[in-house]
Protein backbone atom coordinates (compact mmCIF):
# COMPACT_ATOMS: atom_id res chain seq x y z
CA UNK A 1 -44.23 -57.99 -13.97
CA UNK A 2 -43.95 -60.59 -16.53
CA UNK A 3 -43.84 -59.62 -20.36
CA UNK A 4 -44.67 -62.10 -22.86
CA UNK A 5 -42.51 -61.61 -26.04
CA UNK A 6 -42.95 -63.29 -29.44
CA UNK A 7 -39.41 -64.98 -30.28
CA UNK A 8 -37.41 -63.81 -33.21
CA UNK A 9 -39.10 -60.18 -33.72
CA UNK A 10 -42.34 -61.81 -35.03
CA UNK A 11 -45.48 -60.18 -34.85
CA UNK A 12 -47.91 -60.97 -32.01
CA UNK A 13 -50.15 -62.37 -34.61
CA UNK A 14 -47.40 -64.55 -36.10
CA UNK A 15 -46.07 -66.35 -32.98
CA UNK A 16 -47.04 -69.73 -31.78
CA UNK A 17 -45.05 -69.37 -28.32
CA UNK A 18 -43.54 -66.56 -26.25
CA UNK A 19 -40.69 -65.81 -24.18
CA UNK A 20 -41.35 -64.71 -20.84
CA UNK A 21 -39.11 -61.93 -19.62
CA UNK A 22 -39.16 -60.46 -16.09
CA UNK A 23 -39.65 -56.59 -16.15
CA UNK A 24 -40.97 -53.76 -14.47
CA UNK A 25 -39.80 -50.28 -13.21
CA UNK A 26 -38.29 -51.46 -10.14
CA UNK A 27 -36.43 -54.01 -11.53
CA UNK A 28 -35.30 -52.26 -14.62
CA UNK A 29 -33.58 -49.63 -12.51
CA UNK A 30 -32.19 -52.23 -10.02
CA UNK A 31 -30.58 -54.11 -12.55
CA UNK A 32 -29.30 -51.04 -14.41
CA UNK A 33 -27.76 -49.66 -11.09
CA UNK A 34 -26.05 -52.95 -10.61
CA UNK A 35 -24.71 -52.90 -14.03
CA UNK A 36 -23.20 -49.31 -13.22
CA UNK A 37 -21.15 -51.22 -10.26
CA UNK A 38 -23.54 -49.53 -7.62
CA UNK A 39 -24.31 -51.75 -4.62
CA UNK A 40 -28.18 -52.41 -5.09
CA UNK A 41 -30.87 -54.10 -3.25
CA UNK A 42 -34.44 -55.29 -3.91
CA UNK A 43 -36.88 -55.46 -1.05
CA UNK A 44 -40.17 -56.95 -1.82
CA UNK A 45 -42.45 -59.96 -0.99
CA UNK A 46 -42.87 -62.90 -3.20
CA UNK A 47 -45.07 -66.16 -3.38
CA UNK A 48 -43.21 -68.82 -1.82
CA UNK A 49 -43.30 -71.09 -5.16
CA UNK A 50 -41.46 -71.52 -8.25
CA UNK A 51 -42.84 -68.37 -9.98
CA UNK A 52 -41.44 -66.18 -7.00
CA UNK A 53 -38.21 -67.97 -6.76
CA UNK A 54 -37.53 -67.44 -10.58
CA UNK A 55 -38.11 -63.64 -10.21
CA UNK A 56 -35.79 -63.37 -7.45
CA UNK A 57 -32.99 -65.60 -9.10
CA UNK A 58 -33.30 -63.44 -12.31
CA UNK A 59 -32.47 -60.29 -10.72
CA UNK A 60 -29.82 -61.62 -8.61
CA UNK A 61 -27.88 -63.21 -11.49
CA UNK A 62 -27.39 -59.33 -12.35
CA UNK A 63 -25.52 -58.26 -9.06
CA UNK A 64 -28.67 -57.20 -7.25
CA UNK A 65 -28.89 -58.11 -3.65
CA UNK A 66 -31.97 -60.36 -2.90
CA UNK A 67 -31.44 -61.09 0.67
CA UNK A 68 -34.26 -58.74 1.77
CA UNK A 69 -36.88 -60.25 -0.36
CA UNK A 70 -39.11 -62.48 1.77
CA UNK A 71 -41.62 -65.28 0.58
CA UNK A 72 -45.12 -65.60 1.81
CA UNK A 73 -47.30 -68.57 1.44
CA UNK A 74 -50.48 -68.37 -0.39
């Protein structure tokens, strides 16, 4: 899931641009467990394109094992 957030704590109606933040229950829990030092893996399917790769790379940088993520062609 992707969250669009106004920068600098602006209100939604004041913003002219948005920060894109990868979020979602599974993502948040995986990252939190990895932060606690627990071995964590994420298993899912992502589109074989930049949007999917970006999501995979985002959770990988927090120490979550992404080797079980598979890509599919649209």
